[in-house]
Amino acid sequence: MKRTILSLLLTVIATGTLWAWGGQGHSTVAYIAEKHLTPRAKANIESYLNGRSIVYYAAWMDFNRTDPPMDVTRDWHVDYWTDDMRTDANGNPAPPCSVSQIKRIVSEMGDFRTLSDSLVTINIKYLTHLVGDMHCPVHIDFPTSRPMKVKEGKTTIKVHKMWDGRVLDSKHNGLSPQQMAVELDRYSATEIAAFQSGTPDDWHNECLEYSKRAIDMIPANNQVSYETYFNKVIDIAENRITLAGYRLAAILNSIFDK
């Protein structure tokens, strides 16, 4: 029997090779978000993290997703729906994973003080990571109808692997996540408020459009150099990371600024 793209995906996730932005990208998202937390929200959050910053846990989900009980989170990171729409136990279309988990957690955290400390703590870690994942183009759309590899001579590399930190490393080699956050976080208060408007569903649909752009930049014959592809998509990568930071701050402020 043919394995579906989902079963293949879960196999890759289980081996621990699927990293979205990589540590640098996720940490940059968290640095940007932290800068835009209100003082009250930041204090409340850090009280659940033993005084640590959300940056410390930015990539936490990637390193804690294969062993029980965390293995239930393995498929929360990705929304590959183009050619393999998943269904729930009743055969109804299942919603995308990351945005569904973000919405569930936000709803669950409506009055965080009534919840156990352990639940609040782990939900902070989930949100810090999943908002970043939802903004990574190759975590939102992965069409099986399109080849998802890029060739350079005799070397072939998967597009997903190219986004796993390599786009950022190629164009910003030597910059720390904190330095990258300083460089990317240059929008006005009015612009940031506009980016933070809308809902997670709105942001997911927007991210889908960016995913299509990134995929469409791959030539039909896949013959494009890594450098050429990186030069084409770096603006998308920077935009997605920056907006993920602003939106993570908006979500955390809505929960903890009270």
Protein backbone atom coordinates (compact mmCIF):
# COMPACT_ATOMS: atom_id res chain seq x y z
CA MET A 1 0.00 0.00 0.00
CA LYS A 2 1.27 3.47 -0.82
CA ARG A 3 2.29 5.47 2.17
CA THR A 4 0.57 8.81 2.38
CA ILE A 5 2.51 12.02 2.64
CA LEU A 6 1.29 12.25 6.23
CA SER A 7 2.72 8.87 7.22
CA LEU A 8 5.99 9.78 5.58
CA LEU A 9 5.95 13.09 7.39
CA LEU A 10 5.37 11.49 10.78
CA THR A 11 8.25 9.14 10.14
CA VAL A 12 10.53 12.08 9.46
CA ILE A 13 9.29 13.87 12.56
CA ALA A 14 9.86 10.80 14.70
CA THR A 15 13.49 10.66 13.62
CA GLY A 16 13.98 14.19 14.85
CA THR A 17 15.09 15.68 11.51
CA LEU A 18 12.31 18.23 11.03
CA TRP A 19 13.28 21.54 12.59
CA ALA A 20 11.39 24.37 10.89
CA TRP A 21 13.41 27.54 11.46
CA GLY A 22 16.10 25.79 13.44
CA GLY A 23 17.29 27.15 16.76
CA GLN A 24 18.35 30.49 15.28
CA GLY A 25 15.00 31.26 13.71
CA HIS A 26 12.92 30.20 16.70
CA SER A 27 15.14 32.13 19.09
CA THR A 28 14.87 35.23 16.91
CA VAL A 29 11.08 34.97 16.97
CA ALA A 30 11.18 34.74 20.77
CA TYR A 31 13.60 37.68 21.13
CA ILE A 32 11.32 39.88 19.03
CA ALA A 33 8.26 38.77 20.99
CA GLU A 34 9.96 39.36 24.33
CA LYS A 35 10.77 42.94 23.38
CA HIS A 36 7.07 43.59 22.80
CA LEU A 37 5.70 41.95 25.93
CA THR A 38 4.17 44.27 28.47
CA PRO A 39 6.05 44.40 31.79
CA ARG A 40 3.17 42.63 33.56
CA ALA A 41 2.93 39.89 30.93
CA LYS A 42 6.69 39.34 30.96
CA ALA A 43 6.75 39.08 34.77
CA ASN A 44 3.82 36.67 34.84
CA ILE A 45 5.36 34.48 32.15
CA GLU A 46 8.78 34.33 33.78
CA SER A 47 7.21 33.43 37.12
CA TYR A 48 6.13 30.15 35.47
CA LEU A 49 9.51 29.63 33.77
CA ASN A 50 11.60 29.85 36.95
CA GLY A 51 12.75 33.32 35.97
CA ARG A 52 13.89 32.25 32.50
CA SER A 53 13.04 34.02 29.26
CA ILE A 54 10.80 32.57 26.56
CA VAL A 55 13.93 32.61 24.39
CA TYR A 56 15.34 29.79 26.51
CA TYR A 57 12.43 27.57 25.43
CA ALA A 58 12.09 28.74 21.83
CA ALA A 59 13.13 25.38 20.30
CA TRP A 60 12.09 23.28 23.30
CA MET A 61 9.35 21.42 21.43
CA ASP A 62 11.77 20.23 18.76
CA PHE A 63 13.89 18.45 21.33
CA ASN A 64 11.03 17.05 23.40
CA ARG A 65 8.59 15.49 20.98
CA THR A 66 9.48 11.83 20.51
CA ASP A 67 9.39 10.33 24.00
CA PRO A 68 6.16 9.78 25.95
CA PRO A 69 4.22 11.74 27.01
CA MET A 70 5.51 14.42 24.59
CA ASP A 71 5.14 12.14 21.58
CA VAL A 72 1.51 13.29 21.29
CA THR A 73 2.90 16.62 20.00
CA ARG A 74 4.81 15.14 17.07
CA ASP A 75 2.37 16.28 14.40
CA TRP A 76 1.48 19.62 15.96
CA HIS A 77 4.29 21.41 14.11
CA VAL A 78 3.08 21.10 10.54
CA ASP A 79 0.11 21.72 8.25
CA TYR A 80 0.72 19.78 5.03
CA TRP A 81 -2.71 19.81 3.48
CA THR A 82 -2.44 20.53 -0.24
CA ASP A 83 -2.78 16.99 -1.63
CA ASP A 84 -3.46 14.94 1.47
CA MET A 85 -6.25 16.50 3.50
CA ARG A 86 -6.49 14.64 6.78
CA THR A 87 -9.73 13.55 8.40
CA ASP A 88 -10.73 13.01 11.98
CA ALA A 89 -12.12 9.81 13.51
CA ASN A 90 -15.55 10.56 12.01
CA GLY A 91 -14.20 11.15 8.51
CA ASN A 92 -14.61 14.92 8.65
CA PRO A 93 -11.80 17.20 7.39
CA ALA A 94 -9.31 17.79 10.18
CA PRO A 95 -8.13 21.36 10.72
CA PRO A 96 -4.45 22.28 10.32
CA CYS A 97 -2.42 21.25 13.33
CA SER A 98 -0.39 24.25 14.47
CA VAL A 99 -3.16 26.83 14.22
CA SER A 100 -5.62 24.45 15.89
CA GLN A 101 -3.26 23.90 18.81
CA ILE A 102 -2.60 27.64 19.14
CA LYS A 103 -6.34 28.36 19.27
CA ARG A 104 -6.93 25.54 21.75
CA ILE A 105 -4.20 26.75 24.07
CA VAL A 106 -5.33 30.38 23.93
CA SER A 107 -8.86 29.29 24.84
CA GLU A 108 -7.59 27.03 27.62
CA MET A 109 -5.50 29.84 29.08
CA GLY A 110 -8.39 32.31 29.31
CA ASP A 111 -7.96 32.51 33.08
CA PHE A 112 -4.46 31.10 33.54
CA ARG A 113 -4.47 31.58 37.32
CA THR A 114 -7.12 28.87 37.71
CA LEU A 115 -4.89 26.31 35.97
CA SER A 116 -2.10 24.22 37.42
CA ASP A 117 1.38 25.73 37.24
CA SER A 118 2.60 22.80 35.16
CA LEU A 119 -0.14 23.28 32.55
CA VAL A 120 0.54 27.02 32.25
CA THR A 121 4.27 26.39 31.95
CA ILE A 122 3.99 23.84 29.18
CA ASN A 123 1.44 25.94 27.29
CA ILE A 124 3.86 28.88 27.30
CA LYS A 125 6.49 26.61 25.76
CA TYR A 126 4.02 25.33 23.18
CA LEU A 127 2.90 28.79 22.11
CA THR A 128 6.47 30.10 21.91
CA HIS A 129 7.33 27.37 19.43
CA LEU A 130 4.13 26.83 17.47
CA VAL A 131 3.58 30.46 16.51
CA GLY A 132 7.04 30.34 14.94
CA ASP A 133 6.28 27.07 13.16
CA MET A 134 3.03 28.41 11.76
CA HIS A 135 4.95 31.20 10.03
CA CYS A 136 7.53 28.93 8.37
CA PRO A 137 6.53 28.43 4.71
CA VAL A 138 7.50 24.76 4.54
CA HIS A 139 5.48 24.01 7.67
CA ILE A 140 2.28 25.36 6.16
CA ASP A 141 2.10 23.81 2.69
CA PHE A 142 3.90 20.85 1.17
CA PRO A 143 2.30 19.89 -2.15
CA THR A 144 3.03 16.36 -3.29
CA SER A 145 2.27 17.53 -6.82
CA ARG A 146 5.44 19.60 -6.85
CA PRO A 147 8.99 18.29 -6.50
CA MET A 148 10.31 19.54 -3.20
CA LYS A 149 14.02 19.25 -3.90
CA VAL A 150 16.55 21.61 -5.38
CA LYS A 151 19.54 20.45 -7.36
CA GLU A 152 22.97 21.93 -7.79
CA GLY A 153 25.03 19.83 -10.13
CA LYS A 154 24.89 16.29 -8.78
CA THR A 155 23.80 17.37 -5.32
CA THR A 156 20.13 17.28 -4.35
CA ILE A 157 18.71 18.76 -1.17
CA LYS A 158 15.17 18.83 0.15
CA VAL A 159 13.58 22.27 0.27
CA HIS A 160 12.46 21.66 3.84
CA LYS A 161 16.03 21.02 4.87
CA MET A 162 17.06 24.27 3.21
CA TRP A 163 14.65 26.15 5.45
CA ASP A 164 15.87 24.41 8.60
CA GLY A 165 18.13 27.29 9.54
CA ARG A 166 20.12 27.17 6.29
CA VAL A 167 18.42 30.15 4.67
CA LEU A 168 19.21 32.28 7.72
CA ASP A 169 22.69 30.83 8.17
CA SER A 170 23.51 31.49 4.52
CA LYS A 171 22.43 35.12 4.52
CA HIS A 172 23.18 36.08 8.14
CA ASN A 173 26.15 33.94 9.06
CA GLY A 174 27.72 35.16 12.30
CA LEU A 175 24.70 37.05 13.60
CA SER A 176 23.26 35.81 16.87
CA PRO A 177 19.47 35.49 17.23
CA GLN A 178 19.53 38.58 19.46
CA GLN A 179 21.40 40.56 16.81
CA MET A 180 19.01 39.32 14.13
CA ALA A 181 16.06 40.41 16.25
CA VAL A 182 17.53 43.91 16.50
CA GLU A 183 17.98 44.06 12.73
CA LEU A 184 14.50 42.74 11.90
CA ASP A 185 12.45 44.55 14.55
CA ARG A 186 12.35 47.93 12.82
CA TYR A 187 8.66 48.56 12.23
CA SER A 188 6.64 51.43 13.70
CA ALA A 189 4.07 50.94 16.44
CA THR A 190 1.31 51.51 13.90
CA GLU A 191 2.72 48.90 11.54
CA ILE A 192 3.19 46.39 14.37
CA ALA A 193 -0.41 46.88 15.50
CA ALA A 194 -1.55 46.15 11.95
CA PHE A 195 0.54 42.97 11.84
CA GLN A 196 -0.96 41.86 15.16
CA SER A 197 -4.54 42.43 14.06
CA GLY A 198 -6.71 39.54 12.95
CA THR A 199 -6.92 36.00 14.26
CA PRO A 200 -4.68 32.92 14.15
CA ASP A 201 -6.86 31.68 11.29
CA ASP A 202 -6.20 34.91 9.38
CA TRP A 203 -2.48 34.56 10.02
CA HIS A 204 -2.54 30.93 8.89
CA ASN A 205 -4.20 31.87 5.59
CA GLU A 206 -1.65 34.62 5.09
CA CYS A 207 1.16 32.16 5.78
CA LEU A 208 -0.28 29.80 3.19
CA GLU A 209 0.11 32.50 0.55
CA TYR A 210 3.75 33.00 1.52
CA SER A 211 4.28 29.25 1.33
CA LYS A 212 2.98 29.21 -2.22
CA ARG A 213 5.37 32.02 -3.13
CA ALA A 214 8.33 30.13 -1.72
CA ILE A 215 7.38 26.96 -3.58
CA ASP A 216 6.72 28.78 -6.84
CA MET A 217 10.27 30.13 -6.73
CA ILE A 218 11.52 26.61 -7.45
CA PRO A 219 11.89 26.12 -11.22
CA ALA A 220 9.91 23.30 -12.81
CA ASN A 221 13.12 21.40 -13.54
CA ASN A 222 14.43 21.95 -9.98
CA GLN A 223 17.72 23.24 -11.42
CA VAL A 224 18.51 26.20 -9.24
CA SER A 225 21.51 26.83 -7.06
CA TYR A 226 21.12 27.03 -3.32
CA GLU A 227 22.46 30.57 -3.40
CA THR A 228 19.95 31.64 -6.05
CA TYR A 229 17.08 30.15 -4.07
CA PHE A 230 18.28 31.69 -0.81
CA ASN A 231 18.52 35.10 -2.47
CA LYS A 232 14.94 34.76 -3.67
CA VAL A 233 13.40 33.67 -0.37
CA ILE A 234 15.41 35.58 2.24
CA ASP A 235 12.91 38.46 2.27
CA ILE A 236 10.11 35.97 2.88
CA ALA A 237 12.08 34.33 5.70
CA GLU A 238 12.79 37.64 7.41
CA ASN A 239 9.18 38.80 7.06
CA ARG A 240 7.78 35.57 8.47
CA ILE A 241 10.12 35.53 11.46
CA THR A 242 9.45 39.17 12.29
CA LEU A 243 5.67 38.86 12.11
CA ALA A 244 5.77 35.63 14.10
CA GLY A 245 7.55 37.54 16.88
CA TYR A 246 5.00 40.34 16.90
CA ARG A 247 2.08 37.91 16.89
CA LEU A 248 3.55 35.74 19.61
CA ALA A 249 3.82 38.88 21.75
CA ALA A 250 0.20 39.76 21.00
CA ILE A 251 -1.00 36.30 22.05
CA LEU A 252 1.07 36.23 25.24
CA ASN A 253 0.03 39.76 26.18
CA SER A 254 -3.63 38.87 25.68
CA ILE A 255 -3.23 36.02 28.17
CA PHE A 256 -0.79 37.36 30.76
CA ASP A 257 -1.25 41.12 30.85
CA LYS A 258 -3.75 40.89 33.66
